[in-house]
PDB file of all heavy atoms in Angstrom:
ATOM      1  N   VAL A   1      -0.009  25.544  16.949  1.00  0.00           N
ATOM      2  CA  VAL A   1      -1.550  25.915  16.994  1.00  0.00           C
ATOM      3  C   VAL A   1      -2.366  24.690  16.337  1.00  0.00           C
ATOM      4  O   VAL A   1      -3.436  24.401  16.821  1.00  0.00           O
ATOM      5  CB  VAL A   1      -1.883  27.195  16.341  1.00  0.00           C
ATOM      6  CG1 VAL A   1      -3.319  27.516  16.096  1.00  0.00           C
ATOM      7  CG2 VAL A   1      -1.143  28.405  17.124  1.00  0.00           C
ATOM      8  N   LEU A   2      -1.908  24.198  15.151  1.00  0.00           N
ATOM      9  CA  LEU A   2      -2.538  23.208  14.575  1.00  0.00           C
ATOM     10  C   LEU A   2      -2.557  21.782  15.121  1.00  0.00           C
ATOM     11  O   LEU A   2      -3.320  20.867  14.595  1.00  0.00           O
ATOM     12  CB  LEU A   2      -1.956  23.226  13.141  1.00  0.00           C
ATOM     13  CG  LEU A   2      -2.280  24.454  12.354  1.00  0.00           C
ATOM     14  CD1 LEU A   2      -1.558  24.458  10.998  1.00  0.00           C
ATOM     15  CD2 LEU A   2      -3.736  24.645  12.148  1.00  0.00           C
ATOM     16  N   LYS A   3      -1.819  21.529  16.168  1.00  0.00           N
ATOM     17  CA  LYS A   3      -1.790  20.243  16.792  1.00  0.00           C
ATOM     18  C   LYS A   3      -3.117  19.829  17.199  1.00  0.00           C
ATOM     19  O   LYS A   3      -3.565  18.628  17.039  1.00  0.00           O
ATOM     20  CB  LYS A   3      -0.901  20.188  17.945  1.00  0.00           C
ATOM     21  CG  LYS A   3       0.662  20.275  17.378  1.00  0.00           C
ATOM     22  CD  LYS A   3       1.617  19.985  18.406  1.00  0.00           C
ATOM     23  CE  LYS A   3       2.932  20.068  17.948  1.00  0.00           C
ATOM     24  NZ  LYS A   3       4.131  19.889  18.811  1.00  0.00           N
ATOM     25  N   GLY A   4      -4.174  20.776  17.656  1.00  0.00           N
ATOM     26  CA  GLY A   4      -5.370  20.378  18.030  1.00  0.00           C
ATOM     27  C   GLY A   4      -6.217  19.826  16.946  1.00  0.00           C
ATOM     28  O   GLY A   4      -7.043  18.949  17.008  1.00  0.00           O
ATOM     29  N   ALA A   5      -5.925  20.532  15.659  1.00  0.00           N
ATOM     30  CA  ALA A   5      -6.723  19.987  14.504  1.00  0.00           C
ATOM     31  C   ALA A   5      -6.196  18.583  14.149  1.00  0.00           C
ATOM     32  O   ALA A   5      -7.001  17.633  13.790  1.00  0.00           O
ATOM     33  CB  ALA A   5      -6.495  20.907  13.302  1.00  0.00           C
ATOM     34  N   PHE A   6      -4.944  18.290  14.206  1.00  0.00           N
ATOM     35  CA  PHE A   6      -4.317  17.078  13.770  1.00  0.00           C
ATOM     36  C   PHE A   6      -5.006  15.976  14.644  1.00  0.00           C
ATOM     37  O   PHE A   6      -5.259  14.887  14.316  1.00  0.00           O
ATOM     38  CB  PHE A   6      -2.809  17.072  13.752  1.00  0.00           C
ATOM     39  CG  PHE A   6      -2.147  18.066  12.845  1.00  0.00           C
ATOM     40  CD1 PHE A   6      -0.977  18.806  13.342  1.00  0.00           C
ATOM     41  CD2 PHE A   6      -2.709  18.431  11.657  1.00  0.00           C
ATOM     42  CE1 PHE A   6      -0.398  19.610  12.451  1.00  0.00           C
ATOM     43  CE2 PHE A   6      -2.079  19.400  10.862  1.00  0.00           C
ATOM     44  CZ  PHE A   6      -0.856  19.981  11.166  1.00  0.00           C
ATOM     45  N   GLU A   7      -4.840  16.276  15.916  1.00  0.00           N
ATOM     46  CA  GLU A   7      -5.427  15.292  16.916  1.00  0.00           C
ATOM     47  C   GLU A   7      -6.875  14.865  16.646  1.00  0.00           C
ATOM     48  O   GLU A   7      -7.301  13.718  16.679  1.00  0.00           O
ATOM     49  CB  GLU A   7      -5.266  15.841  18.342  1.00  0.00           C
ATOM     50  CG  GLU A   7      -3.867  15.894  18.882  1.00  0.00           C
ATOM     51  CD  GLU A   7      -3.728  16.700  20.185  1.00  0.00           C
ATOM     52  OE1 GLU A   7      -4.781  17.030  20.795  1.00  0.00           O
ATOM     53  OE2 GLU A   7      -2.570  16.849  20.536  1.00  0.00           O
ATOM     54  N   GLN A   8      -7.739  15.898  16.305  1.00  0.00           N
ATOM     55  CA  GLN A   8      -9.141  15.675  16.065  1.00  0.00           C
ATOM     56  C   GLN A   8      -9.319  14.873  14.809  1.00  0.00           C
ATOM     57  O   GLN A   8     -10.186  13.938  14.754  1.00  0.00           O
ATOM     58  CB  GLN A   8      -9.941  17.001  16.051  1.00  0.00           C
ATOM     59  CG  GLN A   8     -10.086  17.756  17.283  1.00  0.00           C
ATOM     60  CD  GLN A   8     -10.863  16.922  18.307  1.00  0.00           C
ATOM     61  OE1 GLN A   8     -11.754  16.102  17.875  1.00  0.00           O
ATOM     62  NE2 GLN A   8     -10.716  17.053  19.523  1.00  0.00           N
ATOM     63  N   LEU A   9      -8.533  15.227  13.821  1.00  0.00           N
ATOM     64  CA  LEU A   9      -8.737  14.587  12.585  1.00  0.00           C
ATOM     65  C   LEU A   9      -8.220  13.124  12.653  1.00  0.00           C
ATOM     66  O   LEU A   9      -8.746  12.201  12.024  1.00  0.00           O
ATOM     67  CB  LEU A   9      -7.844  15.333  11.400  1.00  0.00           C
ATOM     68  CG  LEU A   9      -8.430  16.587  11.005  1.00  0.00           C
ATOM     69  CD1 LEU A   9      -7.483  17.480  10.280  1.00  0.00           C
ATOM     70  CD2 LEU A   9      -9.817  16.436  10.307  1.00  0.00           C
ATOM     71  N   LYS A  10      -7.133  12.833  13.303  1.00  0.00           N
ATOM     72  CA  LYS A  10      -6.650  11.471  13.605  1.00  0.00           C
ATOM     73  C   LYS A  10      -7.611  10.743  14.350  1.00  0.00           C
ATOM     74  O   LYS A  10      -8.056   9.558  14.087  1.00  0.00           O
ATOM     75  CB  LYS A  10      -5.344  11.517  14.360  1.00  0.00           C
ATOM     76  CG  LYS A  10      -4.287  11.932  13.495  1.00  0.00           C
ATOM     77  CD  LYS A  10      -2.971  12.028  14.317  1.00  0.00           C
ATOM     78  CE  LYS A  10      -1.828  12.590  13.464  1.00  0.00           C
ATOM     79  NZ  LYS A  10      -0.528  12.774  14.246  1.00  0.00           N
ATOM     80  N   LYS A  11      -8.253  11.250  15.435  1.00  0.00           N
ATOM     81  CA  LYS A  11      -9.235  10.701  16.305  1.00  0.00           C
ATOM     82  C   LYS A  11     -10.515  10.156  15.529  1.00  0.00           C
ATOM     83  O   LYS A  11     -11.092   9.163  15.685  1.00  0.00           O
ATOM     84  CB  LYS A  11      -9.740  11.586  17.396  1.00  0.00           C
ATOM     85  CG  LYS A  11     -10.559  10.965  18.521  1.00  0.00           C
ATOM     86  CD  LYS A  11     -10.890  11.917  19.572  1.00  0.00           C
ATOM     87  CE  LYS A  11      -9.870  12.610  20.193  1.00  0.00           C
ATOM     88  NZ  LYS A  11     -10.309  13.596  21.313  1.00  0.00           N
ATOM     89  N   LEU A  12     -10.825  11.049  14.531  1.00  0.00           N
ATOM     90  CA  LEU A  12     -12.064  10.655  13.563  1.00  0.00           C
ATOM     91  C   LEU A  12     -11.546   9.970  12.396  1.00  0.00           C
ATOM     92  O   LEU A  12     -12.530   9.595  11.704  1.00  0.00           O
ATOM     93  CB  LEU A  12     -12.654  11.998  13.334  1.00  0.00           C
ATOM     94  CG  LEU A  12     -13.510  12.758  14.424  1.00  0.00           C
ATOM     95  CD1 LEU A  12     -13.796  14.173  13.988  1.00  0.00           C
ATOM     96  CD2 LEU A  12     -14.633  11.997  14.841  1.00  0.00           C
ATOM     97  N   GLU A  13     -10.276   9.574  12.324  1.00  0.00           N
ATOM     98  CA  GLU A  13      -9.836   8.778  11.070  1.00  0.00           C
ATOM     99  C   GLU A  13     -10.131   9.473   9.786  1.00  0.00           C
ATOM    100  O   GLU A  13     -10.464   8.791   8.844  1.00  0.00           O
ATOM    101  CB  GLU A  13     -10.293   7.401  11.256  1.00  0.00           C
ATOM    102  CG  GLU A  13     -10.028   6.556  12.476  1.00  0.00           C
ATOM    103  CD  GLU A  13     -10.577   5.200  12.565  1.00  0.00           C
ATOM    104  OE1 GLU A  13     -11.706   5.128  12.202  1.00  0.00           O
ATOM    105  OE2 GLU A  13      -9.778   4.305  13.118  1.00  0.00           O
ATOM    106  N   ILE A  14      -9.998  10.716   9.860  1.00  0.00           N
ATOM    107  CA  ILE A  14     -10.186  11.507   8.569  1.00  0.00           C
ATOM    108  C   ILE A  14      -8.716  11.703   7.852  1.00  0.00           C
ATOM    109  O   ILE A  14      -7.764  12.276   8.618  1.00  0.00           O
ATOM    110  CB  ILE A  14     -10.805  12.869   8.700  1.00  0.00           C
ATOM    111  CG1 ILE A  14     -12.159  12.693   9.449  1.00  0.00           C
ATOM    112  CG2 ILE A  14     -10.797  13.709   7.448  1.00  0.00           C
ATOM    113  CD1 ILE A  14     -12.838  14.100   9.833  1.00  0.00           C
ATOM    114  N   PRO A  15      -8.501  11.302   6.751  1.00  0.00           N
ATOM    115  CA  PRO A  15      -7.254  11.539   6.046  1.00  0.00           C
ATOM    116  C   PRO A  15      -6.962  12.994   5.828  1.00  0.00           C
ATOM    117  O   PRO A  15      -7.936  13.716   5.548  1.00  0.00           O
ATOM    118  CB  PRO A  15      -7.410  10.687   4.735  1.00  0.00           C
ATOM    119  CG  PRO A  15      -8.882  10.683   4.440  1.00  0.00           C
ATOM    120  CD  PRO A  15      -9.592  10.583   5.830  1.00  0.00           C
ATOM    121  N   PHE A  16      -5.710  13.504   6.010  1.00  0.00           N
ATOM    122  CA  PHE A  16      -5.533  14.819   5.773  1.00  0.00           C
ATOM    123  C   PHE A  16      -3.961  15.032   5.307  1.00  0.00           C
ATOM    124  O   PHE A  16      -3.210  14.022   5.633  1.00  0.00           O
ATOM    125  CB  PHE A  16      -5.689  15.673   7.121  1.00  0.00           C
ATOM    126  CG  PHE A  16      -4.776  15.260   8.298  1.00  0.00           C
ATOM    127  CD1 PHE A  16      -3.666  16.078   8.509  1.00  0.00           C
ATOM    128  CD2 PHE A  16      -5.091  14.312   9.111  1.00  0.00           C
ATOM    129  CE1 PHE A  16      -2.789  15.817   9.584  1.00  0.00           C
ATOM    130  CE2 PHE A  16      -4.235  14.055  10.354  1.00  0.00           C
ATOM    131  CZ  PHE A  16      -3.081  14.820  10.484  1.00  0.00           C
ATOM    132  N   GLU A  17      -3.712  16.144   4.856  1.00  0.00           N
ATOM    133  CA  GLU A  17      -2.394  16.551   4.593  1.00  0.00           C
ATOM    134  C   GLU A  17      -2.122  17.953   5.094  1.00  0.00           C
ATOM    135  O   GLU A  17      -3.052  18.747   5.180  1.00  0.00           O
ATOM    136  CB  GLU A  17      -2.180  16.684   2.990  1.00  0.00           C
ATOM    137  CG  GLU A  17      -2.258  15.408   2.232  1.00  0.00           C
ATOM    138  CD  GLU A  17      -2.007  15.567   0.715  1.00  0.00           C
ATOM    139  OE1 GLU A  17      -1.544  16.583   0.260  1.00  0.00           O
ATOM    140  OE2 GLU A  17      -2.282  14.547   0.051  1.00  0.00           O
ATOM    141  N   ALA A  18      -0.906  18.233   5.498  1.00  0.00           N
ATOM    142  CA  ALA A  18      -0.622  19.587   5.993  1.00  0.00           C
ATOM    143  C   ALA A  18       0.548  20.205   5.067  1.00  0.00           C
ATOM    144  O   ALA A  18       1.366  19.341   4.713  1.00  0.00           O
ATOM    145  CB  ALA A  18      -0.052  19.509   7.334  1.00  0.00           C
ATOM    146  N   HIS A  19       0.332  21.453   4.804  1.00  0.00           N
ATOM    147  CA  HIS A  19       1.289  22.065   3.884  1.00  0.00           C
ATOM    148  C   HIS A  19       1.517  23.393   4.484  1.00  0.00           C
ATOM    149  O   HIS A  19       0.706  23.942   5.137  1.00  0.00           O
ATOM    150  CB  HIS A  19       0.819  22.247   2.580  1.00  0.00           C
ATOM    151  CG  HIS A  19       0.601  20.777   1.902  1.00  0.00           C
ATOM    152  ND1 HIS A  19       1.637  20.146   1.223  1.00  0.00           N
ATOM    153  CD2 HIS A  19      -0.626  20.051   1.777  1.00  0.00           C
ATOM    154  CE1 HIS A  19       1.082  19.087   0.785  1.00  0.00           C
ATOM    155  NE2 HIS A  19      -0.245  19.052   1.070  1.00  0.00           N
ATOM    156  N   VAL A  20       2.662  24.132   4.052  1.00  0.00           N
ATOM    157  CA  VAL A  20       2.908  25.472   4.382  1.00  0.00           C
ATOM    158  C   VAL A  20       2.954  26.240   3.063  1.00  0.00           C
ATOM    159  O   VAL A  20       3.761  25.870   2.030  1.00  0.00           O
ATOM    160  CB  VAL A  20       4.411  25.630   4.868  1.00  0.00           C
ATOM    161  CG1 VAL A  20       4.799  27.140   5.152  1.00  0.00           C
ATOM    162  CG2 VAL A  20       4.526  24.881   6.273  1.00  0.00           C
ATOM    163  N   TYR A  21       2.012  27.193   2.884  1.00  0.00           N
ATOM    164  CA  TYR A  21       1.859  27.984   1.710  1.00  0.00           C
ATOM    165  C   TYR A  21       1.546  29.401   2.254  1.00  0.00           C
ATOM    166  O   TYR A  21       0.623  29.509   3.057  1.00  0.00           O
ATOM    167  CB  TYR A  21       0.799  27.514   0.747  1.00  0.00           C
ATOM    168  CG  TYR A  21       1.067  26.292   0.060  1.00  0.00           C
ATOM    169  CD1 TYR A  21       0.220  25.232   0.123  1.00  0.00           C
ATOM    170  CD2 TYR A  21       2.180  26.148  -0.779  1.00  0.00           C
ATOM    171  CE1 TYR A  21       0.510  24.054  -0.481  1.00  0.00           C
ATOM    172  CE2 TYR A  21       2.451  25.026  -1.457  1.00  0.00           C
ATOM    173  CZ  TYR A  21       1.628  23.847  -1.341  1.00  0.00           C
ATOM    174  OH  TYR A  21       1.863  22.787  -1.982  1.00  0.00           O
ATOM    175  N   SER A  22       2.265  30.379   1.831  1.00  0.00           N
ATOM    176  CA  SER A  22       1.844  31.742   2.145  1.00  0.00           C
ATOM    177  C   SER A  22       1.104  32.503   1.136  1.00  0.00           C
ATOM    178  O   SER A  22       1.439  32.352  -0.041  1.00  0.00           O
ATOM    179  CB  SER A  22       3.254  32.332   2.509  1.00  0.00           C
ATOM    180  OG  SER A  22       3.056  33.865   2.597  1.00  0.00           O
ATOM    181  N   ALA A  23       0.003  33.226   1.482  1.00  0.00           N
ATOM    182  CA  ALA A  23      -0.711  34.087   0.617  1.00  0.00           C
ATOM    183  C   ALA A  23       0.189  35.163  -0.042  1.00  0.00           C
ATOM    184  O   ALA A  23      -0.098  35.544  -1.203  1.00  0.00           O
ATOM    185  CB  ALA A  23      -1.810  34.663   1.410  1.00  0.00           C
ATOM    186  N   HIS A  24       1.238  35.543   0.705  1.00  0.00           N
ATOM    187  CA  HIS A  24       2.116  36.578   0.209  1.00  0.00           C
ATOM    188  C   HIS A  24       3.444  36.205  -0.376  1.00  0.00           C
ATOM    189  O   HIS A  24       4.036  36.773  -1.261  1.00  0.00           O
ATOM    190  CB  HIS A  24       2.288  37.657   1.406  1.00  0.00           C
ATOM    191  CG  HIS A  24       1.013  38.163   1.938  1.00  0.00           C
ATOM    192  ND1 HIS A  24       0.605  37.736   3.111  1.00  0.00           N
ATOM    193  CD2 HIS A  24       0.111  38.885   1.410  1.00  0.00           C
ATOM    194  CE1 HIS A  24      -0.609  38.315   3.327  1.00  0.00           C
ATOM    195  NE2 HIS A  24      -0.923  39.006   2.315  1.00  0.00           N
TER     196      HIS A  24
END
């Protein structure tokens, strides 16, 4: 699902990190 976010952030050259954390 998050691939669309990664693509947009890369296209706009915004640095980002991705992590897996669960609220529970």
